[in-house]
Protein backbone atom coordinates (compact mmCIF):
# COMPACT_ATOMS: atom_id res chain seq x y z
CA MET A 1 21.13 13.65 15.77
CA SER A 2 22.01 10.46 17.62
CA GLU A 3 19.64 11.27 20.46
CA LEU A 4 16.76 11.40 17.97
CA LEU A 5 17.41 7.91 16.68
CA SER A 6 16.15 4.65 18.11
CA GLN A 7 13.70 6.29 20.50
CA HIS A 8 11.40 3.30 20.12
CA ALA A 9 11.82 -0.44 20.11
CA GLN A 10 10.50 -1.99 16.92
CA ARG A 11 6.92 -3.21 17.33
CA SER A 12 5.39 -5.60 14.84
CA LEU A 13 2.10 -4.55 13.33
CA PRO A 14 -0.88 -6.42 14.74
CA GLN A 15 -3.13 -8.46 12.47
CA ARG A 16 -5.62 -5.64 12.50
CA ALA A 17 -6.65 -2.56 10.56
CA GLY A 18 -4.79 0.72 10.75
CA VAL A 19 -5.26 4.14 9.19
CA GLY A 20 -3.08 6.75 7.56
CA LEU A 21 -2.03 9.37 10.12
CA LYS A 22 -3.01 12.93 9.22
CA ALA A 23 -2.22 16.16 11.06
CA GLU A 24 -5.94 16.97 11.29
CA HIS A 25 -6.39 13.97 13.60
CA TYR A 26 -3.27 14.31 15.81
CA ARG A 27 -5.05 15.82 18.80
CA THR A 28 -8.12 13.58 18.59
CA ILE A 29 -5.90 10.51 18.63
CA LEU A 30 -3.80 11.67 21.57
CA GLU A 31 -6.82 12.80 23.59
CA SER A 32 -9.12 9.81 22.92
CA ARG A 33 -6.57 7.02 22.30
CA PRO A 34 -8.86 5.11 19.91
CA ASP A 35 -8.77 1.34 19.47
CA ILE A 36 -6.79 1.26 16.21
CA GLY A 37 -4.28 -1.38 15.20
CA PHE A 38 -1.56 0.95 13.89
CA PHE A 39 -0.87 4.17 12.01
CA GLU A 40 0.96 4.70 8.74
CA VAL A 41 2.83 7.81 7.67
CA HIS A 42 4.29 8.85 4.33
CA ALA A 43 8.04 9.01 4.80
CA GLU A 44 8.50 12.21 2.84
CA ASN A 45 6.25 14.16 5.23
CA TYR A 46 8.65 13.53 8.13
CA MET A 47 12.10 13.93 6.62
CA GLY A 48 12.71 17.26 8.34
CA ALA A 49 14.80 17.29 11.50
CA GLY A 50 12.12 18.36 13.96
CA GLY A 51 9.15 20.61 14.61
CA PRO A 52 5.47 19.87 15.36
CA PRO A 53 5.16 16.92 12.93
CA HIS A 54 7.85 14.99 14.80
CA ARG A 55 6.56 16.06 18.20
CA PHE A 56 3.10 14.65 17.46
CA LEU A 57 4.41 11.58 15.65
CA SER A 58 6.71 10.72 18.55
CA ALA A 59 3.79 10.95 20.97
CA ILE A 60 1.57 8.77 18.82
CA ARG A 61 4.41 6.31 18.17
CA GLY A 62 4.70 5.90 21.93
CA LEU A 63 1.13 4.59 21.96
CA TYR A 64 0.75 2.69 18.69
CA PRO A 65 2.81 0.61 16.25
CA LEU A 66 3.84 2.51 13.14
CA SER A 67 4.26 1.73 9.45
CA ILE A 68 6.33 3.95 7.14
CA HIS A 69 5.30 4.17 3.50
CA GLY A 70 7.59 5.80 0.96
CA VAL A 71 6.21 7.49 -2.14
CA GLY A 72 9.27 9.24 -3.55
CA LEU A 73 12.23 6.88 -3.86
CA SER A 74 11.40 6.09 -7.51
CA ILE A 75 12.31 2.41 -7.37
CA GLY A 76 11.20 1.86 -10.97
CA ALA A 77 13.26 4.68 -12.50
CA ASP A 78 15.93 3.86 -15.05
CA ARG A 79 18.52 5.81 -13.07
CA PRO A 80 20.37 5.37 -9.76
CA LEU A 81 18.49 5.82 -6.52
CA ASP A 82 18.78 9.21 -4.86
CA ARG A 83 21.35 8.50 -2.14
CA ASP A 84 20.41 11.56 -0.09
CA HIS A 85 16.75 10.56 -0.12
CA LEU A 86 17.66 7.02 0.89
CA GLN A 87 19.80 8.29 3.78
CA ARG A 88 16.94 10.50 5.00
CA LEU A 89 14.66 7.48 4.87
CA LYS A 90 17.23 5.45 6.83
CA ALA A 91 17.34 8.14 9.54
CA LEU A 92 13.55 8.21 9.76
CA VAL A 93 13.30 4.43 10.00
CA GLY A 94 16.01 4.40 12.67
CA ARG A 95 14.22 7.11 14.62
CA TYR A 96 10.78 5.46 14.73
CA ALA A 97 11.54 1.72 14.32
CA PRO A 98 8.37 0.99 12.34
CA GLY A 99 6.86 -2.46 12.16
CA GLN A 100 6.98 -2.33 8.35
CA VAL A 101 8.54 -0.15 5.64
CA SER A 102 7.09 -0.07 2.13
CA GLU A 103 7.58 1.57 -1.26
CA HIS A 104 5.82 1.68 -4.63
CA LEU A 105 6.59 -0.22 -7.80
CA ALA A 106 6.71 3.02 -9.76
CA TRP A 107 8.98 5.84 -10.87
CA SER A 108 8.82 9.58 -10.30
CA SER A 109 12.25 10.89 -11.26
CA HIS A 110 14.01 11.39 -14.59
CA ASP A 111 16.69 13.59 -16.09
CA CYS A 112 14.20 16.46 -16.12
CA GLY A 113 13.71 16.27 -12.36
CA PHE A 114 11.04 14.90 -10.05
CA LEU A 115 7.45 14.33 -11.14
CA ASN A 116 4.69 14.47 -8.54
CA ASP A 117 3.15 11.17 -9.62
CA LEU A 118 3.65 7.41 -9.36
CA LEU A 119 4.24 6.30 -12.94
CA PRO A 120 4.18 2.69 -14.21
CA VAL A 121 7.10 0.63 -15.44
CA PRO A 122 7.11 -1.72 -18.44
CA TYR A 123 7.30 -5.34 -17.35
CA THR A 124 10.47 -6.38 -19.16
CA ALA A 125 13.70 -8.14 -18.24
CA GLN A 126 15.50 -4.80 -18.24
CA SER A 127 12.98 -3.24 -15.84
CA LEU A 128 13.10 -6.32 -13.64
CA ALA A 129 16.89 -6.10 -13.31
CA CYS A 130 16.63 -2.38 -12.45
CA VAL A 131 13.89 -2.83 -9.83
CA VAL A 132 15.70 -5.78 -8.25
CA ASP A 133 18.94 -3.79 -8.03
CA HIS A 134 17.15 -0.83 -6.43
CA ILE A 135 15.35 -2.97 -3.85
CA ASP A 136 18.61 -4.74 -3.01
CA GLN A 137 20.21 -1.34 -2.41
CA MET A 138 17.30 -0.12 -0.34
CA GLN A 139 17.23 -3.20 1.88
CA GLU A 140 21.00 -3.11 2.33
CA VAL A 141 21.01 0.55 3.38
CA LEU A 142 18.02 0.16 5.71
CA GLY A 143 19.26 -3.15 7.07
CA ARG A 144 15.80 -4.69 6.88
CA GLN A 145 13.21 -6.14 4.55
CA ILE A 146 10.90 -3.75 2.72
CA LEU A 147 7.47 -4.32 1.19
CA LEU A 148 6.75 -3.50 -2.45
CA GLU A 149 3.29 -2.18 -3.44
CA ASN A 150 1.55 -3.02 -6.71
CA PRO A 151 0.67 0.05 -8.79
CA SER A 152 -2.60 1.60 -9.89
CA THR A 153 -2.29 1.85 -13.67
CA TYR A 154 -4.22 3.36 -16.54
CA LEU A 155 -2.50 1.71 -19.49
CA ALA A 156 -0.29 -1.25 -20.40
CA PHE A 157 3.02 -1.14 -22.25
CA GLU A 158 3.17 -3.03 -25.54
CA GLU A 159 6.77 -4.01 -24.81
CA SER A 160 5.89 -5.79 -21.54
CA THR A 161 6.85 -9.47 -21.60
CA TYR A 162 5.66 -10.32 -18.07
CA ALA A 163 2.19 -10.28 -16.60
CA GLU A 164 2.16 -7.83 -13.70
CA THR A 165 1.64 -10.58 -11.13
CA ASP A 166 4.54 -12.61 -12.57
CA PHE A 167 6.80 -9.53 -12.60
CA ILE A 168 6.05 -8.78 -8.96
CA ALA A 169 6.54 -12.43 -8.00
CA ALA A 170 9.95 -12.41 -9.71
CA VAL A 171 10.97 -9.25 -7.82
CA ALA A 172 9.99 -10.79 -4.48
CA ARG A 173 11.76 -14.05 -5.30
CA ARG A 174 15.02 -12.38 -6.36
CA THR A 175 15.23 -9.79 -3.57
CA GLY A 176 13.51 -11.47 -0.64
CA CYS A 177 11.32 -8.39 -0.21
CA GLY A 178 7.78 -8.73 1.07
CA LEU A 179 4.72 -7.44 -0.74
CA LEU A 180 2.06 -4.88 0.06
CA LEU A 181 -1.13 -5.72 -1.84
CA ASP A 182 -3.25 -2.66 -2.58
CA VAL A 183 -6.64 -4.09 -3.52
CA ASN A 184 -7.99 -0.71 -4.63
CA ASN A 185 -5.06 -0.47 -7.04
CA VAL A 186 -5.98 -3.94 -8.28
CA TYR A 187 -9.54 -2.88 -9.02
CA VAL A 188 -8.57 0.46 -10.59
CA ALA A 189 -5.99 -1.16 -12.86
CA SER A 190 -8.25 -4.10 -13.73
CA VAL A 191 -11.13 -1.94 -14.91
CA ASN A 192 -8.86 0.49 -16.74
CA ARG A 193 -6.91 -2.29 -18.46
CA GLN A 194 -9.91 -4.59 -19.00
CA ILE A 195 -8.81 -7.56 -16.91
CA ASN A 196 -10.65 -9.44 -14.18
CA PRO A 197 -9.74 -8.20 -10.67
CA PHE A 198 -10.61 -11.48 -8.95
CA SER A 199 -8.42 -13.41 -11.38
CA TYR A 200 -5.63 -10.94 -10.63
CA ILE A 201 -5.95 -11.62 -6.89
CA ASP A 202 -5.90 -15.37 -7.48
CA ALA A 203 -2.73 -15.06 -9.62
CA TYR A 204 -0.93 -12.77 -7.16
CA PRO A 205 2.02 -14.16 -5.10
CA LEU A 206 -0.07 -13.99 -1.94
CA ALA A 207 2.41 -16.00 0.14
CA ALA A 208 4.70 -12.94 0.14
CA VAL A 209 1.99 -10.43 1.11
CA GLN A 210 2.48 -8.92 4.57
CA GLN A 211 0.10 -5.96 4.43
CA ILE A 212 -2.98 -4.88 2.45
CA HIS A 213 -4.10 -1.37 1.50
CA LEU A 214 -7.69 -0.20 0.99
CA ALA A 215 -8.78 3.15 -0.44
CA GLY A 216 -11.45 4.94 -2.40
CA HIS A 217 -11.45 5.76 -6.11
CA ALA A 218 -13.31 8.12 -8.44
CA GLU A 219 -15.24 7.18 -11.58
CA GLU A 220 -14.66 9.22 -14.72
CA ALA A 221 -14.81 8.52 -18.47
CA ASP A 222 -12.14 8.31 -21.15
CA GLU A 223 -12.27 9.85 -24.63
CA LYS A 224 -14.51 7.00 -25.81
CA SER A 225 -16.92 7.42 -22.88
CA ARG A 226 -15.69 4.22 -21.26
CA LEU A 227 -15.44 3.99 -17.49
CA LEU A 228 -12.08 5.23 -16.20
CA LEU A 229 -11.19 4.79 -12.53
CA ILE A 230 -8.85 7.22 -10.76
CA ASP A 231 -6.98 6.23 -7.59
CA THR A 232 -7.97 9.31 -5.57
CA HIS A 233 -7.88 8.18 -1.90
CA ASP A 234 -10.57 10.77 -1.19
CA ARG A 235 -13.64 8.75 -0.23
CA GLN A 236 -14.88 5.54 1.35
CA VAL A 237 -13.79 2.15 0.07
CA ALA A 238 -16.12 0.82 -2.65
CA ASN A 239 -18.12 -2.34 -1.98
CA VAL A 240 -16.39 -4.24 -4.77
CA VAL A 241 -13.00 -3.39 -3.22
CA TRP A 242 -14.24 -4.75 0.11
CA ASP A 243 -15.13 -7.96 -1.76
CA LEU A 244 -11.63 -8.12 -3.24
CA PHE A 245 -10.17 -7.58 0.23
CA ALA A 246 -12.21 -10.48 1.60
CA ARG A 247 -11.04 -12.64 -1.32
CA ALA A 248 -7.41 -11.79 -0.61
CA ILE A 249 -7.54 -12.07 3.18
CA GLU A 250 -9.17 -15.49 3.09
CA GLN A 251 -6.11 -16.69 1.17
CA THR A 252 -3.37 -14.81 3.03
CA GLY A 253 -4.90 -15.35 6.44
CA PRO A 254 -5.07 -12.44 8.91
CA ILE A 255 -2.48 -9.72 8.21
CA PRO A 256 -2.37 -5.94 8.81
CA ALA A 257 -4.60 -3.81 6.57
CA LEU A 258 -4.54 -0.05 6.10
CA ILE A 259 -7.26 2.46 5.25
CA GLU A 260 -5.75 5.15 2.99
CA TRP A 261 -7.64 8.46 2.89
CA ASP A 262 -5.34 11.26 1.76
CA SER A 263 -7.59 14.13 0.57
CA ASN A 264 -11.08 15.43 1.30
CA LEU A 265 -10.40 14.07 4.76
CA PRO A 266 -13.41 12.89 6.75
CA ASP A 267 -14.02 13.37 10.45
CA TRP A 268 -12.35 10.87 12.74
CA PRO A 269 -15.48 8.70 13.36
CA THR A 270 -15.92 8.14 9.60
CA LEU A 271 -12.31 7.09 9.17
CA LYS A 272 -12.43 4.85 12.22
CA ALA A 273 -15.60 3.19 10.90
CA GLU A 274 -13.72 2.17 7.75
CA ALA A 275 -11.01 0.58 9.90
CA GLU A 276 -13.65 -1.24 11.94
CA ARG A 277 -15.14 -2.71 8.77
CA ALA A 278 -11.70 -3.97 7.76
CA ASP A 279 -11.21 -5.41 11.25
CA THR A 280 -14.44 -7.38 10.90
CA ILE A 281 -13.17 -9.04 7.72
CA ILE A 282 -9.78 -9.75 9.30
CA GLN A 283 -11.49 -11.29 12.34
CA ALA A 284 -13.50 -13.58 10.06
CA ALA A 285 -10.24 -14.73 8.46
CA THR A 286 -8.76 -15.28 11.92
CA GLN A 287 -11.70 -17.43 12.96
CA ALA A 288 -11.51 -19.42 9.72
CA ALA A 289 -7.80 -20.02 10.24
CA SER A 290 -8.36 -21.12 13.84
CA VAL A 291 -10.75 -23.89 12.79
CA GLY A 292 -8.64 -24.89 9.82
CA HIS A 293 -10.91 -24.09 6.91
CA VAL A 294 -11.19 -21.43 4.22
CA ALA A 295 -14.17 -19.12 4.40
CA SER A 296 -16.58 -19.09 1.49
CA ARG A 297 -15.59 -16.64 -1.19
CA PRO A 298 -17.55 -13.37 -1.36
CA GLN A 299 -20.27 -13.32 -3.97
CA PHE A 300 -20.15 -10.71 -6.68
CA THR A 301 -23.48 -8.89 -6.94
CA ALA A 302 -25.28 -8.79 -10.28
CA ALA A 303 -24.37 -5.12 -10.71
CA GLN A 304 -20.71 -5.83 -9.95
CA HIS A 305 -20.72 -8.72 -12.43
CA GLN A 306 -22.07 -6.44 -15.12
CA LEU A 307 -19.51 -3.74 -14.34
CA THR A 308 -16.57 -6.11 -14.34
CA GLU A 309 -17.65 -8.05 -17.41
CA ALA A 310 -18.29 -4.84 -19.34
CA HIS A 311 -14.78 -3.58 -18.72
CA THR A 312 -12.64 -6.72 -18.54
CA GLN A 313 -13.62 -8.62 -21.66
């Protein structure tokens, strides 16, 4: 196993847009070598010892920086972390030396087993202590800082005593972890929980944000025929989410941003076009930073105002 580890020197992610790496695009990427900032992979898809996934990932990692995003460690669970899972993650991180490693503020495991979903945590002192302990363990085992991603949520717990932004800020402060701001999650949760997404961005601990995620969502209706957003990652980024991204990036300054598209995969040109749009916004933030001023905030369209006001009052 030792010969599989540390094949690559760690490369920081550029202040550009990347995309999630999918098997359907392996050959196109290797043959055309597109101008993309970086690629992200879900850790759990590469925890086997070898085979075609690792062969292609190693080739692509030789050409591009890599980010590893975990979806199964269950940081928010009220139970110990799975040590075997954490050791597999450590081996994967050692093998590919990614520029960044991230996980979700969520839980998936319980006494009954593992649930194939990212479930929310109540924002209480007890949950805070649990999440902090788990991140401390994760960072100690990996020997590096991790980034924590804000969740997409569909409800709020009555017992919560922290606002979500304050809870996440407390986690970052106590553990020294960085943050991954998913602006699509912000919009999905804001509409579903009737809060203002731009106010959420302004209240977020943006100084700790080191990467941003962008994705598509689906519109459905709840039992009272109210708009319900589902974090599907199966379509283009919505215009309002692009506006939220611009709002965030003007405050963070240029940082890496990722296009997540996990199902109903498009052809490569469509995915690359989404990354190019993100790059344009990052470049605007870079230019604003270089001349020492903050760009004007994006204007909400009348339709977007109506949508947000209708569901956040």
